[in-house]
Amino acid sequence: MQLVREQRGLSKIRLAKTSGLDRRSLARWEAGQQTPDLRTIGRLADALGCHPTVLIEWAEDDQ
């Protein structure tokens, strides 16, 4: 997720505002400490302008 976010030129704060999600949660997901649920992955994909499968593959790689 961090790679996609950085490719889009977004900070964690900006992504949090755009997606309506908590910045601390974004940090935990990027650090691999937690994995977002499917609904959240959909919100992140919308905010990042990518298909949800990009983020699902990222989440699976972290496990």
PDB file of N, CA and C in Angstrom:
ATOM      1  N   MET A   1       0.825  -1.186   0.000  1.00  0.00           N
ATOM      2  CA  MET A   1       0.000   0.000   0.000  1.00  0.00           C
ATOM      3  C   MET A   1       0.870   1.250   0.000  1.00  0.00           C
ATOM      4  N   GLN A   2       1.954   1.225   0.755  1.00  0.00           N
ATOM      5  CA  GLN A   2       2.826   2.393   0.814  1.00  0.00           C
ATOM      6  C   GLN A   2       3.362   2.744  -0.570  1.00  0.00           C
ATOM      7  N   LEU A   3       3.750   1.736  -1.340  1.00  0.00           N
ATOM      8  CA  LEU A   3       4.274   1.980  -2.680  1.00  0.00           C
ATOM      9  C   LEU A   3       3.229   2.664  -3.559  1.00  0.00           C
ATOM     10  N   VAL A   4       2.011   2.168  -3.533  1.00  0.00           N
ATOM     11  CA  VAL A   4       0.934   2.772  -4.332  1.00  0.00           C
ATOM     12  C   VAL A   4       0.679   4.199  -3.858  1.00  0.00           C
ATOM     13  N   ARG A   5       0.631   4.388  -2.549  1.00  0.00           N
ATOM     14  CA  ARG A   5       0.396   5.726  -1.989  1.00  0.00           C
ATOM     15  C   ARG A   5       1.487   6.692  -2.440  1.00  0.00           C
ATOM     16  N   GLU A   6       2.741   6.246  -2.346  1.00  0.00           N
ATOM     17  CA  GLU A   6       3.854   7.112  -2.734  1.00  0.00           C
ATOM     18  C   GLU A   6       3.869   7.375  -4.237  1.00  0.00           C
ATOM     19  N   GLN A   7       3.505   6.371  -5.042  1.00  0.00           N
ATOM     20  CA  GLN A   7       3.421   6.572  -6.491  1.00  0.00           C
ATOM     21  C   GLN A   7       2.379   7.628  -6.841  1.00  0.00           C
ATOM     22  N   ARG A   8       1.345   7.725  -6.021  1.00  0.00           N
ATOM     23  CA  ARG A   8       0.289   8.717  -6.246  1.00  0.00           C
ATOM     24  C   ARG A   8       0.651  10.079  -5.644  1.00  0.00           C
ATOM     25  N   GLY A   9       1.787  10.139  -4.947  1.00  0.00           N
ATOM     26  CA  GLY A   9       2.221  11.394  -4.341  1.00  0.00           C
ATOM     27  C   GLY A   9       1.406  11.796  -3.126  1.00  0.00           C
ATOM     28  N   LEU A  10       0.858  10.810  -2.415  1.00  0.00           N
ATOM     29  CA  LEU A  10       0.021  11.094  -1.252  1.00  0.00           C
ATOM     30  C   LEU A  10       0.766  10.819   0.049  1.00  0.00           C
ATOM     31  N   SER A  11       0.584  11.691   1.002  1.00  0.00           N
ATOM     32  CA  SER A  11       1.080  11.434   2.355  1.00  0.00           C
ATOM     33  C   SER A  11       0.059  10.563   3.081  1.00  0.00           C
ATOM     34  N   LYS A  12       0.463   9.996   4.211  1.00  0.00           N
ATOM     35  CA  LYS A  12      -0.490   9.223   5.014  1.00  0.00           C
ATOM     36  C   LYS A  12      -1.635  10.120   5.475  1.00  0.00           C
ATOM     37  N   ILE A  13      -1.313  11.347   5.823  1.00  0.00           N
ATOM     38  CA  ILE A  13      -2.343  12.278   6.293  1.00  0.00           C
ATOM     39  C   ILE A  13      -3.356  12.548   5.182  1.00  0.00           C
ATOM     40  N   ARG A  14      -2.870  12.790   3.978  1.00  0.00           N
ATOM     41  CA  ARG A  14      -3.763  13.069   2.848  1.00  0.00           C
ATOM     42  C   ARG A  14      -4.627  11.850   2.516  1.00  0.00           C
ATOM     43  N   LEU A  15      -4.008  10.657   2.523  1.00  0.00           N
ATOM     44  CA  LEU A  15      -4.771   9.440   2.255  1.00  0.00           C
ATOM     45  C   LEU A  15      -5.817   9.220   3.339  1.00  0.00           C
ATOM     46  N   ALA A  16      -5.463   9.497   4.573  1.00  0.00           N
ATOM     47  CA  ALA A  16      -6.422   9.350   5.672  1.00  0.00           C
ATOM     48  C   ALA A  16      -7.621  10.274   5.456  1.00  0.00           C
ATOM     49  N   LYS A  17      -7.360  11.514   5.081  1.00  0.00           N
ATOM     50  CA  LYS A  17      -8.453  12.462   4.848  1.00  0.00           C
ATOM     51  C   LYS A  17      -9.301  12.050   3.649  1.00  0.00           C
ATOM     52  N   THR A  18      -8.648  11.636   2.575  1.00  0.00           N
ATOM     53  CA  THR A  18      -9.357  11.259   1.356  1.00  0.00           C
ATOM     54  C   THR A  18     -10.220  10.019   1.562  1.00  0.00           C
ATOM     55  N   SER A  19      -9.692   9.055   2.314  1.00  0.00           N
ATOM     56  CA  SER A  19     -10.403   7.789   2.514  1.00  0.00           C
ATOM     57  C   SER A  19     -11.340   7.812   3.714  1.00  0.00           C
ATOM     58  N   GLY A  20     -11.158   8.799   4.601  1.00  0.00           N
ATOM     59  CA  GLY A  20     -11.956   8.847   5.820  1.00  0.00           C
ATOM     60  C   GLY A  20     -11.495   7.852   6.866  1.00  0.00           C
ATOM     61  N   LEU A  21     -10.261   7.388   6.728  1.00  0.00           N
ATOM     62  CA  LEU A  21      -9.704   6.411   7.665  1.00  0.00           C
ATOM     63  C   LEU A  21      -8.686   7.071   8.587  1.00  0.00           C
ATOM     64  N   ASP A  22      -8.391   6.408   9.669  1.00  0.00           N
ATOM     65  CA  ASP A  22      -7.469   6.923  10.673  1.00  0.00           C
ATOM     66  C   ASP A  22      -6.019   6.783  10.208  1.00  0.00           C
ATOM     67  N   ARG A  23      -5.239   7.837  10.348  1.00  0.00           N
ATOM     68  CA  ARG A  23      -3.834   7.828   9.939  1.00  0.00           C
ATOM     69  C   ARG A  23      -3.036   6.759  10.675  1.00  0.00           C
ATOM     70  N   ARG A  24      -3.345   6.548  11.948  1.00  0.00           N
ATOM     71  CA  ARG A  24      -2.622   5.524  12.722  1.00  0.00           C
ATOM     72  C   ARG A  24      -2.910   4.130  12.184  1.00  0.00           C
ATOM     73  N   SER A  25      -4.138   3.907  11.750  1.00  0.00           N
ATOM     74  CA  SER A  25      -4.467   2.613  11.139  1.00  0.00           C
ATOM     75  C   SER A  25      -3.685   2.422   9.846  1.00  0.00           C
ATOM     76  N   LEU A  26      -3.606   3.468   9.035  1.00  0.00           N
ATOM     77  CA  LEU A  26      -2.825   3.387   7.799  1.00  0.00           C
ATOM     78  C   LEU A  26      -1.379   3.015   8.104  1.00  0.00           C
ATOM     79  N   ALA A  27      -0.811   3.633   9.117  1.00  0.00           N
ATOM     80  CA  ALA A  27       0.577   3.345   9.492  1.00  0.00           C
ATOM     81  C   ALA A  27       0.736   1.886   9.917  1.00  0.00           C
ATOM     82  N   ARG A  28      -0.217   1.357  10.680  1.00  0.00           N
ATOM     83  CA  ARG A  28      -0.147  -0.051  11.111  1.00  0.00           C
ATOM     84  C   ARG A  28      -0.266  -0.997   9.922  1.00  0.00           C
ATOM     85  N   TRP A  29      -1.136  -0.664   8.969  1.00  0.00           N
ATOM     86  CA  TRP A  29      -1.285  -1.518   7.789  1.00  0.00           C
ATOM     87  C   TRP A  29      -0.015  -1.501   6.959  1.00  0.00           C
ATOM     88  N   GLU A  30       0.560  -0.315   6.761  1.00  0.00           N
ATOM     89  CA  GLU A  30       1.785  -0.224   5.975  1.00  0.00           C
ATOM     90  C   GLU A  30       2.947  -0.930   6.664  1.00  0.00           C
ATOM     91  N   ALA A  31       2.962  -0.947   7.980  1.00  0.00           N
ATOM     92  CA  ALA A  31       4.027  -1.610   8.734  1.00  0.00           C
ATOM     93  C   ALA A  31       3.805  -3.118   8.836  1.00  0.00           C
ATOM     94  N   GLY A  32       2.654  -3.597   8.371  1.00  0.00           N
ATOM     95  CA  GLY A  32       2.353  -5.021   8.436  1.00  0.00           C
ATOM     96  C   GLY A  32       1.908  -5.496   9.805  1.00  0.00           C
ATOM     97  N   GLN A  33       1.558  -4.554  10.679  1.00  0.00           N
ATOM     98  CA  GLN A  33       1.116  -4.904  12.027  1.00  0.00           C
ATOM     99  C   GLN A  33      -0.334  -5.365  12.048  1.00  0.00           C
ATOM    100  N   GLN A  34      -1.114  -4.911  11.087  1.00  0.00           N
ATOM    101  CA  GLN A  34      -2.520  -5.288  10.952  1.00  0.00           C
ATOM    102  C   GLN A  34      -2.853  -5.352   9.468  1.00  0.00           C
ATOM    103  N   THR A  35      -3.961  -6.006   9.157  1.00  0.00           N
ATOM    104  CA  THR A  35      -4.435  -6.091   7.779  1.00  0.00           C
ATOM    105  C   THR A  35      -5.851  -5.524   7.724  1.00  0.00           C
ATOM    106  N   PRO A  36      -6.116  -4.613   6.792  1.00  0.00           N
ATOM    107  CA  PRO A  36      -7.468  -4.049   6.690  1.00  0.00           C
ATOM    108  C   PRO A  36      -8.466  -5.087   6.184  1.00  0.00           C
ATOM    109  N   ASP A  37      -9.735  -4.925   6.569  1.00  0.00           N
ATOM    110  CA  ASP A  37     -10.775  -5.822   6.064  1.00  0.00           C
ATOM    111  C   ASP A  37     -11.141  -5.422   4.630  1.00  0.00           C
ATOM    112  N   LEU A  38     -11.958  -6.230   3.985  1.00  0.00           N
ATOM    113  CA  LEU A  38     -12.280  -6.000   2.571  1.00  0.00           C
ATOM    114  C   LEU A  38     -12.989  -4.674   2.325  1.00  0.00           C
ATOM    115  N   ARG A  39     -13.872  -4.282   3.214  1.00  0.00           N
ATOM    116  CA  ARG A  39     -14.566  -2.996   3.055  1.00  0.00           C
ATOM    117  C   ARG A  39     -13.549  -1.845   3.090  1.00  0.00           C
ATOM    118  N   THR A  40     -12.611  -1.938   4.008  1.00  0.00           N
ATOM    119  CA  THR A  40     -11.589  -0.904   4.136  1.00  0.00           C
ATOM    120  C   THR A  40     -10.668  -0.899   2.923  1.00  0.00           C
ATOM    121  N   ILE A  41     -10.334  -2.080   2.423  1.00  0.00           N
ATOM    122  CA  ILE A  41      -9.516  -2.156   1.211  1.00  0.00           C
ATOM    123  C   ILE A  41     -10.232  -1.455   0.058  1.00  0.00           C
ATOM    124  N   GLY A  42     -11.536  -1.610  -0.029  1.00  0.00           N
ATOM    125  CA  GLY A  42     -12.309  -0.913  -1.057  1.00  0.00           C
ATOM    126  C   GLY A  42     -12.221   0.598  -0.910  1.00  0.00           C
ATOM    127  N   ARG A  43     -12.310   1.077   0.312  1.00  0.00           N
ATOM    128  CA  ARG A  43     -12.204   2.528   0.558  1.00  0.00           C
ATOM    129  C   ARG A  43     -10.812   3.032   0.200  1.00  0.00           C
ATOM    130  N   LEU A  44      -9.792   2.258   0.567  1.00  0.00           N
ATOM    131  CA  LEU A  44      -8.420   2.644   0.239  1.00  0.00           C
ATOM    132  C   LEU A  44      -8.203   2.656  -1.273  1.00  0.00           C
ATOM    133  N   ALA A  45      -8.710   1.645  -1.951  1.00  0.00           N
ATOM    134  CA  ALA A  45      -8.557   1.573  -3.405  1.00  0.00           C
ATOM    135  C   ALA A  45      -9.227   2.771  -4.077  1.00  0.00           C
ATOM    136  N   ASP A  46     -10.412   3.136  -3.618  1.00  0.00           N
ATOM    137  CA  ASP A  46     -11.089   4.317  -4.168  1.00  0.00           C
ATOM    138  C   ASP A  46     -10.238   5.565  -3.973  1.00  0.00           C
ATOM    139  N   ALA A  47      -9.702   5.730  -2.776  1.00  0.00           N
ATOM    140  CA  ALA A  47      -8.905   6.917  -2.470  1.00  0.00           C
ATOM    141  C   ALA A  47      -7.589   6.935  -3.247  1.00  0.00           C
ATOM    142  N   LEU A  48      -7.038   5.747  -3.510  1.00  0.00           N
ATOM    143  CA  LEU A  48      -5.762   5.655  -4.225  1.00  0.00           C
ATOM    144  C   LEU A  48      -5.939   5.601  -5.739  1.00  0.00           C
ATOM    145  N   GLY A  49      -7.177   5.414  -6.182  1.00  0.00           N
ATOM    146  CA  GLY A  49      -7.427   5.336  -7.617  1.00  0.00           C
ATOM    147  C   GLY A  49      -6.877   4.064  -8.241  1.00  0.00           C
ATOM    148  N   CYS A  50      -6.952   2.962  -7.503  1.00  0.00           N
ATOM    149  CA  CYS A  50      -6.487   1.682  -8.036  1.00  0.00           C
ATOM    150  C   CYS A  50      -7.570   0.630  -7.825  1.00  0.00           C
ATOM    151  N   HIS A  51      -7.392  -0.514  -8.444  1.00  0.00           N
ATOM    152  CA  HIS A  51      -8.335  -1.617  -8.281  1.00  0.00           C
ATOM    153  C   HIS A  51      -8.076  -2.285  -6.933  1.00  0.00           C
ATOM    154  N   PRO A  52      -9.111  -2.713  -6.232  1.00  0.00           N
ATOM    155  CA  PRO A  52      -8.918  -3.354  -4.927  1.00  0.00           C
ATOM    156  C   PRO A  52      -7.982  -4.558  -4.951  1.00  0.00           C
ATOM    157  N   THR A  53      -7.906  -5.269  -6.086  1.00  0.00           N
ATOM    158  CA  THR A  53      -7.022  -6.439  -6.125  1.00  0.00           C
ATOM    159  C   THR A  53      -5.561  -6.068  -5.911  1.00  0.00           C
ATOM    160  N   VAL A  54      -5.180  -4.860  -6.292  1.00  0.00           N
ATOM    161  CA  VAL A  54      -3.806  -4.405  -6.043  1.00  0.00           C
ATOM    162  C   VAL A  54      -3.529  -4.426  -4.544  1.00  0.00           C
ATOM    163  N   LEU A  55      -4.470  -3.953  -3.765  1.00  0.00           N
ATOM    164  CA  LEU A  55      -4.289  -3.899  -2.316  1.00  0.00           C
ATOM    165  C   LEU A  55      -4.510  -5.259  -1.670  1.00  0.00           C
ATOM    166  N   ILE A  56      -5.373  -6.077  -2.245  1.00  0.00           N
ATOM    167  CA  ILE A  56      -5.577  -7.425  -1.704  1.00  0.00           C
ATOM    168  C   ILE A  56      -4.300  -8.241  -1.879  1.00  0.00           C
ATOM    169  N   GLU A  57      -3.667  -8.127  -3.044  1.00  0.00           N
ATOM    170  CA  GLU A  57      -2.397  -8.822  -3.260  1.00  0.00           C
ATOM    171  C   GLU A  57      -1.345  -8.323  -2.285  1.00  0.00           C
ATOM    172  N   TRP A  58      -1.329  -7.022  -2.028  1.00  0.00           N
ATOM    173  CA  TRP A  58      -0.389  -6.461  -1.060  1.00  0.00           C
ATOM    174  C   TRP A  58      -0.652  -7.056   0.319  1.00  0.00           C
ATOM    175  N   ALA A  59      -1.913  -7.134   0.724  1.00  0.00           N
ATOM    176  CA  ALA A  59      -2.264  -7.656   2.047  1.00  0.00           C
ATOM    177  C   ALA A  59      -1.880  -9.128   2.165  1.00  0.00           C
ATOM    178  N   GLU A  60      -2.081  -9.898   1.100  1.00  0.00           N
ATOM    179  CA  GLU A  60      -1.718 -11.312   1.125  1.00  0.00           C
ATOM    180  C   GLU A  60      -0.209 -11.492   1.200  1.00  0.00           C
ATOM    181  N   ASP A  61       0.545 -10.625   0.536  1.00  0.00           N
ATOM    182  CA  ASP A  61       2.006 -10.706   0.580  1.00  0.00           C
ATOM    183  C   ASP A  61       2.544 -10.440   1.971  1.00  0.00           C
ATOM    184  N   ASP A  62       1.842  -9.632   2.749  1.00  0.00           N
ATOM    185  CA  ASP A  62       2.286  -9.292   4.100  1.00  0.00           C
ATOM    186  C   ASP A  62       2.044 -10.417   5.097  1.00  0.00           C
ATOM    187  N   GLN A  63       1.193 -11.363   4.752  1.00  0.00           N
ATOM    188  CA  GLN A  63       0.868 -12.434   5.710  1.00  0.00           C
ATOM    189  C   GLN A  63       1.804 -13.596   5.604  1.00  0.00           C
TER     190      GLN A  63
END
